[in-house]
PDBML (XML) file of the C-alpha atoms, coordinates in Angstrom:
<?xml version="1.0" encoding="UTF-8" ?>
<PDBx:datablock datablockName="MODEL"
   xmlns:PDBx="http://pdbml.pdb.org/schema/pdbx-v50.xsd"
   xmlns:xsi="http://www.w3.org/2001/XMLSchema-instance"
   xsi:schemaLocation="http://pdbml.pdb.org/schema/pdbx-v50.xsd pdbx-v50.xsd">
   <PDBx:atom_siteCategory>
      <PDBx:atom_site id="1">
         <PDBx:B_iso_or_equiv>0.00</PDBx:B_iso_or_equiv>
         <PDBx:Cartn_x>4.162</PDBx:Cartn_x>
         <PDBx:Cartn_y>3.250</PDBx:Cartn_y>
         <PDBx:Cartn_z>-4.234</PDBx:Cartn_z>
         <PDBx:auth_asym_id>A</PDBx:auth_asym_id>
         <PDBx:auth_atom_id>CA</PDBx:auth_atom_id>
         <PDBx:auth_comp_id>LEU</PDBx:auth_comp_id>
         <PDBx:auth_seq_id>1</PDBx:auth_seq_id>
         <PDBx:group_PDB>ATOM</PDBx:group_PDB>
         <PDBx:label_alt_id xsi:nil="true" />
         <PDBx:label_asym_id>A</PDBx:label_asym_id>
         <PDBx:label_atom_id>CA</PDBx:label_atom_id>
         <PDBx:label_comp_id>LEU</PDBx:label_comp_id>
         <PDBx:label_entity_id>1</PDBx:label_entity_id>
         <PDBx:label_seq_id>1</PDBx:label_seq_id>
         <PDBx:occupancy>1.00</PDBx:occupancy>
         <PDBx:pdbx_PDB_model_num>1</PDBx:pdbx_PDB_model_num>
         <PDBx:type_symbol>C</PDBx:type_symbol>
      </PDBx:atom_site>
      <PDBx:atom_site id="2">
         <PDBx:B_iso_or_equiv>0.00</PDBx:B_iso_or_equiv>
         <PDBx:Cartn_x>7.947</PDBx:Cartn_x>
         <PDBx:Cartn_y>3.686</PDBx:Cartn_y>
         <PDBx:Cartn_z>-4.280</PDBx:Cartn_z>
         <PDBx:auth_asym_id>A</PDBx:auth_asym_id>
         <PDBx:auth_atom_id>CA</PDBx:auth_atom_id>
         <PDBx:auth_comp_id>PRO</PDBx:auth_comp_id>
         <PDBx:auth_seq_id>2</PDBx:auth_seq_id>
         <PDBx:group_PDB>ATOM</PDBx:group_PDB>
         <PDBx:label_alt_id xsi:nil="true" />
         <PDBx:label_asym_id>A</PDBx:label_asym_id>
         <PDBx:label_atom_id>CA</PDBx:label_atom_id>
         <PDBx:label_comp_id>PRO</PDBx:label_comp_id>
         <PDBx:label_entity_id>1</PDBx:label_entity_id>
         <PDBx:label_seq_id>2</PDBx:label_seq_id>
         <PDBx:occupancy>1.00</PDBx:occupancy>
         <PDBx:pdbx_PDB_model_num>1</PDBx:pdbx_PDB_model_num>
         <PDBx:type_symbol>C</PDBx:type_symbol>
      </PDBx:atom_site>
      <PDBx:atom_site id="3">
         <PDBx:B_iso_or_equiv>0.00</PDBx:B_iso_or_equiv>
         <PDBx:Cartn_x>10.560</PDBx:Cartn_x>
         <PDBx:Cartn_y>0.906</PDBx:Cartn_y>
         <PDBx:Cartn_z>-4.485</PDBx:Cartn_z>
         <PDBx:auth_asym_id>A</PDBx:auth_asym_id>
         <PDBx:auth_atom_id>CA</PDBx:auth_atom_id>
         <PDBx:auth_comp_id>PRO</PDBx:auth_comp_id>
         <PDBx:auth_seq_id>3</PDBx:auth_seq_id>
         <PDBx:group_PDB>ATOM</PDBx:group_PDB>
         <PDBx:label_alt_id xsi:nil="true" />
         <PDBx:label_asym_id>A</PDBx:label_asym_id>
         <PDBx:label_atom_id>CA</PDBx:label_atom_id>
         <PDBx:label_comp_id>PRO</PDBx:label_comp_id>
         <PDBx:label_entity_id>1</PDBx:label_entity_id>
         <PDBx:label_seq_id>3</PDBx:label_seq_id>
         <PDBx:occupancy>1.00</PDBx:occupancy>
         <PDBx:pdbx_PDB_model_num>1</PDBx:pdbx_PDB_model_num>
         <PDBx:type_symbol>C</PDBx:type_symbol>
      </PDBx:atom_site>
      <PDBx:atom_site id="4">
         <PDBx:B_iso_or_equiv>0.00</PDBx:B_iso_or_equiv>
         <PDBx:Cartn_x>11.166</PDBx:Cartn_x>
         <PDBx:Cartn_y>0.719</PDBx:Cartn_y>
         <PDBx:Cartn_z>-0.724</PDBx:Cartn_z>
         <PDBx:auth_asym_id>A</PDBx:auth_asym_id>
         <PDBx:auth_atom_id>CA</PDBx:auth_atom_id>
         <PDBx:auth_comp_id>ARG</PDBx:auth_comp_id>
         <PDBx:auth_seq_id>4</PDBx:auth_seq_id>
         <PDBx:group_PDB>ATOM</PDBx:group_PDB>
         <PDBx:label_alt_id xsi:nil="true" />
         <PDBx:label_asym_id>A</PDBx:label_asym_id>
         <PDBx:label_atom_id>CA</PDBx:label_atom_id>
         <PDBx:label_comp_id>ARG</PDBx:label_comp_id>
         <PDBx:label_entity_id>1</PDBx:label_entity_id>
         <PDBx:label_seq_id>4</PDBx:label_seq_id>
         <PDBx:occupancy>1.00</PDBx:occupancy>
         <PDBx:pdbx_PDB_model_num>1</PDBx:pdbx_PDB_model_num>
         <PDBx:type_symbol>C</PDBx:type_symbol>
      </PDBx:atom_site>
      <PDBx:atom_site id="5">
         <PDBx:B_iso_or_equiv>0.00</PDBx:B_iso_or_equiv>
         <PDBx:Cartn_x>8.140</PDBx:Cartn_x>
         <PDBx:Cartn_y>0.759</PDBx:Cartn_y>
         <PDBx:Cartn_z>1.562</PDBx:Cartn_z>
         <PDBx:auth_asym_id>A</PDBx:auth_asym_id>
         <PDBx:auth_atom_id>CA</PDBx:auth_atom_id>
         <PDBx:auth_comp_id>LEU</PDBx:auth_comp_id>
         <PDBx:auth_seq_id>5</PDBx:auth_seq_id>
         <PDBx:group_PDB>ATOM</PDBx:group_PDB>
         <PDBx:label_alt_id xsi:nil="true" />
         <PDBx:label_asym_id>A</PDBx:label_asym_id>
         <PDBx:label_atom_id>CA</PDBx:label_atom_id>
         <PDBx:label_comp_id>LEU</PDBx:label_comp_id>
         <PDBx:label_entity_id>1</PDBx:label_entity_id>
         <PDBx:label_seq_id>5</PDBx:label_seq_id>
         <PDBx:occupancy>1.00</PDBx:occupancy>
         <PDBx:pdbx_PDB_model_num>1</PDBx:pdbx_PDB_model_num>
         <PDBx:type_symbol>C</PDBx:type_symbol>
      </PDBx:atom_site>
      <PDBx:atom_site id="6">
         <PDBx:B_iso_or_equiv>0.00</PDBx:B_iso_or_equiv>
         <PDBx:Cartn_x>8.081</PDBx:Cartn_x>
         <PDBx:Cartn_y>2.232</PDBx:Cartn_y>
         <PDBx:Cartn_z>5.039</PDBx:Cartn_z>
         <PDBx:auth_asym_id>A</PDBx:auth_asym_id>
         <PDBx:auth_atom_id>CA</PDBx:auth_atom_id>
         <PDBx:auth_comp_id>THR</PDBx:auth_comp_id>
         <PDBx:auth_seq_id>6</PDBx:auth_seq_id>
         <PDBx:group_PDB>ATOM</PDBx:group_PDB>
         <PDBx:label_alt_id xsi:nil="true" />
         <PDBx:label_asym_id>A</PDBx:label_asym_id>
         <PDBx:label_atom_id>CA</PDBx:label_atom_id>
         <PDBx:label_comp_id>THR</PDBx:label_comp_id>
         <PDBx:label_entity_id>1</PDBx:label_entity_id>
         <PDBx:label_seq_id>6</PDBx:label_seq_id>
         <PDBx:occupancy>1.00</PDBx:occupancy>
         <PDBx:pdbx_PDB_model_num>1</PDBx:pdbx_PDB_model_num>
         <PDBx:type_symbol>C</PDBx:type_symbol>
      </PDBx:atom_site>
      <PDBx:atom_site id="7">
         <PDBx:B_iso_or_equiv>0.00</PDBx:B_iso_or_equiv>
         <PDBx:Cartn_x>5.945</PDBx:Cartn_x>
         <PDBx:Cartn_y>0.629</PDBx:Cartn_y>
         <PDBx:Cartn_z>7.747</PDBx:Cartn_z>
         <PDBx:auth_asym_id>A</PDBx:auth_asym_id>
         <PDBx:auth_atom_id>CA</PDBx:auth_atom_id>
         <PDBx:auth_comp_id>ALA</PDBx:auth_comp_id>
         <PDBx:auth_seq_id>7</PDBx:auth_seq_id>
         <PDBx:group_PDB>ATOM</PDBx:group_PDB>
         <PDBx:label_alt_id xsi:nil="true" />
         <PDBx:label_asym_id>A</PDBx:label_asym_id>
         <PDBx:label_atom_id>CA</PDBx:label_atom_id>
         <PDBx:label_comp_id>ALA</PDBx:label_comp_id>
         <PDBx:label_entity_id>1</PDBx:label_entity_id>
         <PDBx:label_seq_id>7</PDBx:label_seq_id>
         <PDBx:occupancy>1.00</PDBx:occupancy>
         <PDBx:pdbx_PDB_model_num>1</PDBx:pdbx_PDB_model_num>
         <PDBx:type_symbol>C</PDBx:type_symbol>
      </PDBx:atom_site>
      <PDBx:atom_site id="8">
         <PDBx:B_iso_or_equiv>0.00</PDBx:B_iso_or_equiv>
         <PDBx:Cartn_x>3.341</PDBx:Cartn_x>
         <PDBx:Cartn_y>3.314</PDBx:Cartn_y>
         <PDBx:Cartn_z>7.074</PDBx:Cartn_z>
         <PDBx:auth_asym_id>A</PDBx:auth_asym_id>
         <PDBx:auth_atom_id>CA</PDBx:auth_atom_id>
         <PDBx:auth_comp_id>SER</PDBx:auth_comp_id>
         <PDBx:auth_seq_id>8</PDBx:auth_seq_id>
         <PDBx:group_PDB>ATOM</PDBx:group_PDB>
         <PDBx:label_alt_id xsi:nil="true" />
         <PDBx:label_asym_id>A</PDBx:label_asym_id>
         <PDBx:label_atom_id>CA</PDBx:label_atom_id>
         <PDBx:label_comp_id>SER</PDBx:label_comp_id>
         <PDBx:label_entity_id>1</PDBx:label_entity_id>
         <PDBx:label_seq_id>8</PDBx:label_seq_id>
         <PDBx:occupancy>1.00</PDBx:occupancy>
         <PDBx:pdbx_PDB_model_num>1</PDBx:pdbx_PDB_model_num>
         <PDBx:type_symbol>C</PDBx:type_symbol>
      </PDBx:atom_site>
      <PDBx:atom_site id="9">
         <PDBx:B_iso_or_equiv>0.00</PDBx:B_iso_or_equiv>
         <PDBx:Cartn_x>3.364</PDBx:Cartn_x>
         <PDBx:Cartn_y>2.615</PDBx:Cartn_y>
         <PDBx:Cartn_z>3.334</PDBx:Cartn_z>
         <PDBx:auth_asym_id>A</PDBx:auth_asym_id>
         <PDBx:auth_atom_id>CA</PDBx:auth_atom_id>
         <PDBx:auth_comp_id>ALA</PDBx:auth_comp_id>
         <PDBx:auth_seq_id>9</PDBx:auth_seq_id>
         <PDBx:group_PDB>ATOM</PDBx:group_PDB>
         <PDBx:label_alt_id xsi:nil="true" />
         <PDBx:label_asym_id>A</PDBx:label_asym_id>
         <PDBx:label_atom_id>CA</PDBx:label_atom_id>
         <PDBx:label_comp_id>ALA</PDBx:label_comp_id>
         <PDBx:label_entity_id>1</PDBx:label_entity_id>
         <PDBx:label_seq_id>9</PDBx:label_seq_id>
         <PDBx:occupancy>1.00</PDBx:occupancy>
         <PDBx:pdbx_PDB_model_num>1</PDBx:pdbx_PDB_model_num>
         <PDBx:type_symbol>C</PDBx:type_symbol>
      </PDBx:atom_site>
      <PDBx:atom_site id="10">
         <PDBx:B_iso_or_equiv>0.00</PDBx:B_iso_or_equiv>
         <PDBx:Cartn_x>2.828</PDBx:Cartn_x>
         <PDBx:Cartn_y>-1.081</PDBx:Cartn_y>
         <PDBx:Cartn_z>4.007</PDBx:Cartn_z>
         <PDBx:auth_asym_id>A</PDBx:auth_asym_id>
         <PDBx:auth_atom_id>CA</PDBx:auth_atom_id>
         <PDBx:auth_comp_id>ARG</PDBx:auth_comp_id>
         <PDBx:auth_seq_id>10</PDBx:auth_seq_id>
         <PDBx:group_PDB>ATOM</PDBx:group_PDB>
         <PDBx:label_alt_id xsi:nil="true" />
         <PDBx:label_asym_id>A</PDBx:label_asym_id>
         <PDBx:label_atom_id>CA</PDBx:label_atom_id>
         <PDBx:label_comp_id>ARG</PDBx:label_comp_id>
         <PDBx:label_entity_id>1</PDBx:label_entity_id>
         <PDBx:label_seq_id>10</PDBx:label_seq_id>
         <PDBx:occupancy>1.00</PDBx:occupancy>
         <PDBx:pdbx_PDB_model_num>1</PDBx:pdbx_PDB_model_num>
         <PDBx:type_symbol>C</PDBx:type_symbol>
      </PDBx:atom_site>
      <PDBx:atom_site id="11">
         <PDBx:B_iso_or_equiv>0.00</PDBx:B_iso_or_equiv>
         <PDBx:Cartn_x>-0.134</PDBx:Cartn_x>
         <PDBx:Cartn_y>-0.229</PDBx:Cartn_y>
         <PDBx:Cartn_z>6.228</PDBx:Cartn_z>
         <PDBx:auth_asym_id>A</PDBx:auth_asym_id>
         <PDBx:auth_atom_id>CA</PDBx:auth_atom_id>
         <PDBx:auth_comp_id>THR</PDBx:auth_comp_id>
         <PDBx:auth_seq_id>11</PDBx:auth_seq_id>
         <PDBx:group_PDB>ATOM</PDBx:group_PDB>
         <PDBx:label_alt_id xsi:nil="true" />
         <PDBx:label_asym_id>A</PDBx:label_asym_id>
         <PDBx:label_atom_id>CA</PDBx:label_atom_id>
         <PDBx:label_comp_id>THR</PDBx:label_comp_id>
         <PDBx:label_entity_id>1</PDBx:label_entity_id>
         <PDBx:label_seq_id>11</PDBx:label_seq_id>
         <PDBx:occupancy>1.00</PDBx:occupancy>
         <PDBx:pdbx_PDB_model_num>1</PDBx:pdbx_PDB_model_num>
         <PDBx:type_symbol>C</PDBx:type_symbol>
      </PDBx:atom_site>
      <PDBx:atom_site id="12">
         <PDBx:B_iso_or_equiv>0.00</PDBx:B_iso_or_equiv>
         <PDBx:Cartn_x>-1.646</PDBx:Cartn_x>
         <PDBx:Cartn_y>2.018</PDBx:Cartn_y>
         <PDBx:Cartn_z>3.563</PDBx:Cartn_z>
         <PDBx:auth_asym_id>A</PDBx:auth_asym_id>
         <PDBx:auth_atom_id>CA</PDBx:auth_atom_id>
         <PDBx:auth_comp_id>LEU</PDBx:auth_comp_id>
         <PDBx:auth_seq_id>12</PDBx:auth_seq_id>
         <PDBx:group_PDB>ATOM</PDBx:group_PDB>
         <PDBx:label_alt_id xsi:nil="true" />
         <PDBx:label_asym_id>A</PDBx:label_asym_id>
         <PDBx:label_atom_id>CA</PDBx:label_atom_id>
         <PDBx:label_comp_id>LEU</PDBx:label_comp_id>
         <PDBx:label_entity_id>1</PDBx:label_entity_id>
         <PDBx:label_seq_id>12</PDBx:label_seq_id>
         <PDBx:occupancy>1.00</PDBx:occupancy>
         <PDBx:pdbx_PDB_model_num>1</PDBx:pdbx_PDB_model_num>
         <PDBx:type_symbol>C</PDBx:type_symbol>
      </PDBx:atom_site>
      <PDBx:atom_site id="13">
         <PDBx:B_iso_or_equiv>0.00</PDBx:B_iso_or_equiv>
         <PDBx:Cartn_x>-0.951</PDBx:Cartn_x>
         <PDBx:Cartn_y>-0.616</PDBx:Cartn_y>
         <PDBx:Cartn_z>0.910</PDBx:Cartn_z>
         <PDBx:auth_asym_id>A</PDBx:auth_asym_id>
         <PDBx:auth_atom_id>CA</PDBx:auth_atom_id>
         <PDBx:auth_comp_id>ARG</PDBx:auth_comp_id>
         <PDBx:auth_seq_id>13</PDBx:auth_seq_id>
         <PDBx:group_PDB>ATOM</PDBx:group_PDB>
         <PDBx:label_alt_id xsi:nil="true" />
         <PDBx:label_asym_id>A</PDBx:label_asym_id>
         <PDBx:label_atom_id>CA</PDBx:label_atom_id>
         <PDBx:label_comp_id>ARG</PDBx:label_comp_id>
         <PDBx:label_entity_id>1</PDBx:label_entity_id>
         <PDBx:label_seq_id>13</PDBx:label_seq_id>
         <PDBx:occupancy>1.00</PDBx:occupancy>
         <PDBx:pdbx_PDB_model_num>1</PDBx:pdbx_PDB_model_num>
         <PDBx:type_symbol>C</PDBx:type_symbol>
      </PDBx:atom_site>
      <PDBx:atom_site id="14">
         <PDBx:B_iso_or_equiv>0.00</PDBx:B_iso_or_equiv>
         <PDBx:Cartn_x>-2.907</PDBx:Cartn_x>
         <PDBx:Cartn_y>-3.226</PDBx:Cartn_y>
         <PDBx:Cartn_z>2.861</PDBx:Cartn_z>
         <PDBx:auth_asym_id>A</PDBx:auth_asym_id>
         <PDBx:auth_atom_id>CA</PDBx:auth_atom_id>
         <PDBx:auth_comp_id>ALA</PDBx:auth_comp_id>
         <PDBx:auth_seq_id>14</PDBx:auth_seq_id>
         <PDBx:group_PDB>ATOM</PDBx:group_PDB>
         <PDBx:label_alt_id xsi:nil="true" />
         <PDBx:label_asym_id>A</PDBx:label_asym_id>
         <PDBx:label_atom_id>CA</PDBx:label_atom_id>
         <PDBx:label_comp_id>ALA</PDBx:label_comp_id>
         <PDBx:label_entity_id>1</PDBx:label_entity_id>
         <PDBx:label_seq_id>14</PDBx:label_seq_id>
         <PDBx:occupancy>1.00</PDBx:occupancy>
         <PDBx:pdbx_PDB_model_num>1</PDBx:pdbx_PDB_model_num>
         <PDBx:type_symbol>C</PDBx:type_symbol>
      </PDBx:atom_site>
      <PDBx:atom_site id="15">
         <PDBx:B_iso_or_equiv>0.00</PDBx:B_iso_or_equiv>
         <PDBx:Cartn_x>-5.725</PDBx:Cartn_x>
         <PDBx:Cartn_y>-0.739</PDBx:Cartn_y>
         <PDBx:Cartn_z>3.464</PDBx:Cartn_z>
         <PDBx:auth_asym_id>A</PDBx:auth_asym_id>
         <PDBx:auth_atom_id>CA</PDBx:auth_atom_id>
         <PDBx:auth_comp_id>THR</PDBx:auth_comp_id>
         <PDBx:auth_seq_id>15</PDBx:auth_seq_id>
         <PDBx:group_PDB>ATOM</PDBx:group_PDB>
         <PDBx:label_alt_id xsi:nil="true" />
         <PDBx:label_asym_id>A</PDBx:label_asym_id>
         <PDBx:label_atom_id>CA</PDBx:label_atom_id>
         <PDBx:label_comp_id>THR</PDBx:label_comp_id>
         <PDBx:label_entity_id>1</PDBx:label_entity_id>
         <PDBx:label_seq_id>15</PDBx:label_seq_id>
         <PDBx:occupancy>1.00</PDBx:occupancy>
         <PDBx:pdbx_PDB_model_num>1</PDBx:pdbx_PDB_model_num>
         <PDBx:type_symbol>C</PDBx:type_symbol>
      </PDBx:atom_site>
      <PDBx:atom_site id="16">
         <PDBx:B_iso_or_equiv>0.00</PDBx:B_iso_or_equiv>
         <PDBx:Cartn_x>-5.870</PDBx:Cartn_x>
         <PDBx:Cartn_y>0.230</PDBx:Cartn_y>
         <PDBx:Cartn_z>-0.203</PDBx:Cartn_z>
         <PDBx:auth_asym_id>A</PDBx:auth_asym_id>
         <PDBx:auth_atom_id>CA</PDBx:auth_atom_id>
         <PDBx:auth_comp_id>ALA</PDBx:auth_comp_id>
         <PDBx:auth_seq_id>16</PDBx:auth_seq_id>
         <PDBx:group_PDB>ATOM</PDBx:group_PDB>
         <PDBx:label_alt_id xsi:nil="true" />
         <PDBx:label_asym_id>A</PDBx:label_asym_id>
         <PDBx:label_atom_id>CA</PDBx:label_atom_id>
         <PDBx:label_comp_id>ALA</PDBx:label_comp_id>
         <PDBx:label_entity_id>1</PDBx:label_entity_id>
         <PDBx:label_seq_id>16</PDBx:label_seq_id>
         <PDBx:occupancy>1.00</PDBx:occupancy>
         <PDBx:pdbx_PDB_model_num>1</PDBx:pdbx_PDB_model_num>
         <PDBx:type_symbol>C</PDBx:type_symbol>
      </PDBx:atom_site>
      <PDBx:atom_site id="17">
         <PDBx:B_iso_or_equiv>0.00</PDBx:B_iso_or_equiv>
         <PDBx:Cartn_x>-5.991</PDBx:Cartn_x>
         <PDBx:Cartn_y>-3.394</PDBx:Cartn_y>
         <PDBx:Cartn_z>-1.325</PDBx:Cartn_z>
         <PDBx:auth_asym_id>A</PDBx:auth_asym_id>
         <PDBx:auth_atom_id>CA</PDBx:auth_atom_id>
         <PDBx:auth_comp_id>LEU</PDBx:auth_comp_id>
         <PDBx:auth_seq_id>17</PDBx:auth_seq_id>
         <PDBx:group_PDB>ATOM</PDBx:group_PDB>
         <PDBx:label_alt_id xsi:nil="true" />
         <PDBx:label_asym_id>A</PDBx:label_asym_id>
         <PDBx:label_atom_id>CA</PDBx:label_atom_id>
         <PDBx:label_comp_id>LEU</PDBx:label_comp_id>
         <PDBx:label_entity_id>1</PDBx:label_entity_id>
         <PDBx:label_seq_id>17</PDBx:label_seq_id>
         <PDBx:occupancy>1.00</PDBx:occupancy>
         <PDBx:pdbx_PDB_model_num>1</PDBx:pdbx_PDB_model_num>
         <PDBx:type_symbol>C</PDBx:type_symbol>
      </PDBx:atom_site>
      <PDBx:atom_site id="18">
         <PDBx:B_iso_or_equiv>0.00</PDBx:B_iso_or_equiv>
         <PDBx:Cartn_x>-8.784</PDBx:Cartn_x>
         <PDBx:Cartn_y>-4.122</PDBx:Cartn_y>
         <PDBx:Cartn_z>1.102</PDBx:Cartn_z>
         <PDBx:auth_asym_id>A</PDBx:auth_asym_id>
         <PDBx:auth_atom_id>CA</PDBx:auth_atom_id>
         <PDBx:auth_comp_id>ARG</PDBx:auth_comp_id>
         <PDBx:auth_seq_id>18</PDBx:auth_seq_id>
         <PDBx:group_PDB>ATOM</PDBx:group_PDB>
         <PDBx:label_alt_id xsi:nil="true" />
         <PDBx:label_asym_id>A</PDBx:label_asym_id>
         <PDBx:label_atom_id>CA</PDBx:label_atom_id>
         <PDBx:label_comp_id>ARG</PDBx:label_comp_id>
         <PDBx:label_entity_id>1</PDBx:label_entity_id>
         <PDBx:label_seq_id>18</PDBx:label_seq_id>
         <PDBx:occupancy>1.00</PDBx:occupancy>
         <PDBx:pdbx_PDB_model_num>1</PDBx:pdbx_PDB_model_num>
         <PDBx:type_symbol>C</PDBx:type_symbol>
      </PDBx:atom_site>
      <PDBx:atom_site id="19">
         <PDBx:B_iso_or_equiv>0.00</PDBx:B_iso_or_equiv>
         <PDBx:Cartn_x>-10.724</PDBx:Cartn_x>
         <PDBx:Cartn_y>-1.192</PDBx:Cartn_y>
         <PDBx:Cartn_z>-0.308</PDBx:Cartn_z>
         <PDBx:auth_asym_id>A</PDBx:auth_asym_id>
         <PDBx:auth_atom_id>CA</PDBx:auth_atom_id>
         <PDBx:auth_comp_id>ARG</PDBx:auth_comp_id>
         <PDBx:auth_seq_id>19</PDBx:auth_seq_id>
         <PDBx:group_PDB>ATOM</PDBx:group_PDB>
         <PDBx:label_alt_id xsi:nil="true" />
         <PDBx:label_asym_id>A</PDBx:label_asym_id>
         <PDBx:label_atom_id>CA</PDBx:label_atom_id>
         <PDBx:label_comp_id>ARG</PDBx:label_comp_id>
         <PDBx:label_entity_id>1</PDBx:label_entity_id>
         <PDBx:label_seq_id>19</PDBx:label_seq_id>
         <PDBx:occupancy>1.00</PDBx:occupancy>
         <PDBx:pdbx_PDB_model_num>1</PDBx:pdbx_PDB_model_num>
         <PDBx:type_symbol>C</PDBx:type_symbol>
      </PDBx:atom_site>
      <PDBx:atom_site id="20">
         <PDBx:B_iso_or_equiv>0.00</PDBx:B_iso_or_equiv>
         <PDBx:Cartn_x>-10.332</PDBx:Cartn_x>
         <PDBx:Cartn_y>-2.402</PDBx:Cartn_y>
         <PDBx:Cartn_z>-3.878</PDBx:Cartn_z>
         <PDBx:auth_asym_id>A</PDBx:auth_asym_id>
         <PDBx:auth_atom_id>CA</PDBx:auth_atom_id>
         <PDBx:auth_comp_id>GLY</PDBx:auth_comp_id>
         <PDBx:auth_seq_id>20</PDBx:auth_seq_id>
         <PDBx:group_PDB>ATOM</PDBx:group_PDB>
         <PDBx:label_alt_id xsi:nil="true" />
         <PDBx:label_asym_id>A</PDBx:label_asym_id>
         <PDBx:label_atom_id>CA</PDBx:label_atom_id>
         <PDBx:label_comp_id>GLY</PDBx:label_comp_id>
         <PDBx:label_entity_id>1</PDBx:label_entity_id>
         <PDBx:label_seq_id>20</PDBx:label_seq_id>
         <PDBx:occupancy>1.00</PDBx:occupancy>
         <PDBx:pdbx_PDB_model_num>1</PDBx:pdbx_PDB_model_num>
         <PDBx:type_symbol>C</PDBx:type_symbol>
      </PDBx:atom_site>
      <PDBx:atom_site id="21">
         <PDBx:B_iso_or_equiv>0.00</PDBx:B_iso_or_equiv>
         <PDBx:Cartn_x>-7.565</PDBx:Cartn_x>
         <PDBx:Cartn_y>-0.143</PDBx:Cartn_y>
         <PDBx:Cartn_z>-5.158</PDBx:Cartn_z>
         <PDBx:auth_asym_id>A</PDBx:auth_asym_id>
         <PDBx:auth_atom_id>CA</PDBx:auth_atom_id>
         <PDBx:auth_comp_id>LEU</PDBx:auth_comp_id>
         <PDBx:auth_seq_id>21</PDBx:auth_seq_id>
         <PDBx:group_PDB>ATOM</PDBx:group_PDB>
         <PDBx:label_alt_id xsi:nil="true" />
         <PDBx:label_asym_id>A</PDBx:label_asym_id>
         <PDBx:label_atom_id>CA</PDBx:label_atom_id>
         <PDBx:label_comp_id>LEU</PDBx:label_comp_id>
         <PDBx:label_entity_id>1</PDBx:label_entity_id>
         <PDBx:label_seq_id>21</PDBx:label_seq_id>
         <PDBx:occupancy>1.00</PDBx:occupancy>
         <PDBx:pdbx_PDB_model_num>1</PDBx:pdbx_PDB_model_num>
         <PDBx:type_symbol>C</PDBx:type_symbol>
      </PDBx:atom_site>
      <PDBx:atom_site id="22">
         <PDBx:B_iso_or_equiv>0.00</PDBx:B_iso_or_equiv>
         <PDBx:Cartn_x>-5.023</PDBx:Cartn_x>
         <PDBx:Cartn_y>-1.440</PDBx:Cartn_y>
         <PDBx:Cartn_z>-7.641</PDBx:Cartn_z>
         <PDBx:auth_asym_id>A</PDBx:auth_asym_id>
         <PDBx:auth_atom_id>CA</PDBx:auth_atom_id>
         <PDBx:auth_comp_id>ARG</PDBx:auth_comp_id>
         <PDBx:auth_seq_id>22</PDBx:auth_seq_id>
         <PDBx:group_PDB>ATOM</PDBx:group_PDB>
         <PDBx:label_alt_id xsi:nil="true" />
         <PDBx:label_asym_id>A</PDBx:label_asym_id>
         <PDBx:label_atom_id>CA</PDBx:label_atom_id>
         <PDBx:label_comp_id>ARG</PDBx:label_comp_id>
         <PDBx:label_entity_id>1</PDBx:label_entity_id>
         <PDBx:label_seq_id>22</PDBx:label_seq_id>
         <PDBx:occupancy>1.00</PDBx:occupancy>
         <PDBx:pdbx_PDB_model_num>1</PDBx:pdbx_PDB_model_num>
         <PDBx:type_symbol>C</PDBx:type_symbol>
      </PDBx:atom_site>
      <PDBx:atom_site id="23">
         <PDBx:B_iso_or_equiv>0.00</PDBx:B_iso_or_equiv>
         <PDBx:Cartn_x>-1.471</PDBx:Cartn_x>
         <PDBx:Cartn_y>-1.261</PDBx:Cartn_y>
         <PDBx:Cartn_z>-6.273</PDBx:Cartn_z>
         <PDBx:auth_asym_id>A</PDBx:auth_asym_id>
         <PDBx:auth_atom_id>CA</PDBx:auth_atom_id>
         <PDBx:auth_comp_id>ILE</PDBx:auth_comp_id>
         <PDBx:auth_seq_id>23</PDBx:auth_seq_id>
         <PDBx:group_PDB>ATOM</PDBx:group_PDB>
         <PDBx:label_alt_id xsi:nil="true" />
         <PDBx:label_asym_id>A</PDBx:label_asym_id>
         <PDBx:label_atom_id>CA</PDBx:label_atom_id>
         <PDBx:label_comp_id>ILE</PDBx:label_comp_id>
         <PDBx:label_entity_id>1</PDBx:label_entity_id>
         <PDBx:label_seq_id>23</PDBx:label_seq_id>
         <PDBx:occupancy>1.00</PDBx:occupancy>
         <PDBx:pdbx_PDB_model_num>1</PDBx:pdbx_PDB_model_num>
         <PDBx:type_symbol>C</PDBx:type_symbol>
      </PDBx:atom_site>
      <PDBx:atom_site id="24">
         <PDBx:B_iso_or_equiv>0.00</PDBx:B_iso_or_equiv>
         <PDBx:Cartn_x>1.589</PDBx:Cartn_x>
         <PDBx:Cartn_y>-0.510</PDBx:Cartn_y>
         <PDBx:Cartn_z>-8.383</PDBx:Cartn_z>
         <PDBx:auth_asym_id>A</PDBx:auth_asym_id>
         <PDBx:auth_atom_id>CA</PDBx:auth_atom_id>
         <PDBx:auth_comp_id>VAL</PDBx:auth_comp_id>
         <PDBx:auth_seq_id>24</PDBx:auth_seq_id>
         <PDBx:group_PDB>ATOM</PDBx:group_PDB>
         <PDBx:label_alt_id xsi:nil="true" />
         <PDBx:label_asym_id>A</PDBx:label_asym_id>
         <PDBx:label_atom_id>CA</PDBx:label_atom_id>
         <PDBx:label_comp_id>VAL</PDBx:label_comp_id>
         <PDBx:label_entity_id>1</PDBx:label_entity_id>
         <PDBx:label_seq_id>24</PDBx:label_seq_id>
         <PDBx:occupancy>1.00</PDBx:occupancy>
         <PDBx:pdbx_PDB_model_num>1</PDBx:pdbx_PDB_model_num>
         <PDBx:type_symbol>C</PDBx:type_symbol>
      </PDBx:atom_site>
   </PDBx:atom_siteCategory>
</PDBx:datablock>
C-alpha cells in the first residue's frame, strides 16, 4: 500500500489482514 491511505485503501487493508495477507 502507498504512504497515504484513502478510505477505500483502509477498508481493503482491513479485509486483507482478516484474510491472512501480509500488509506492507
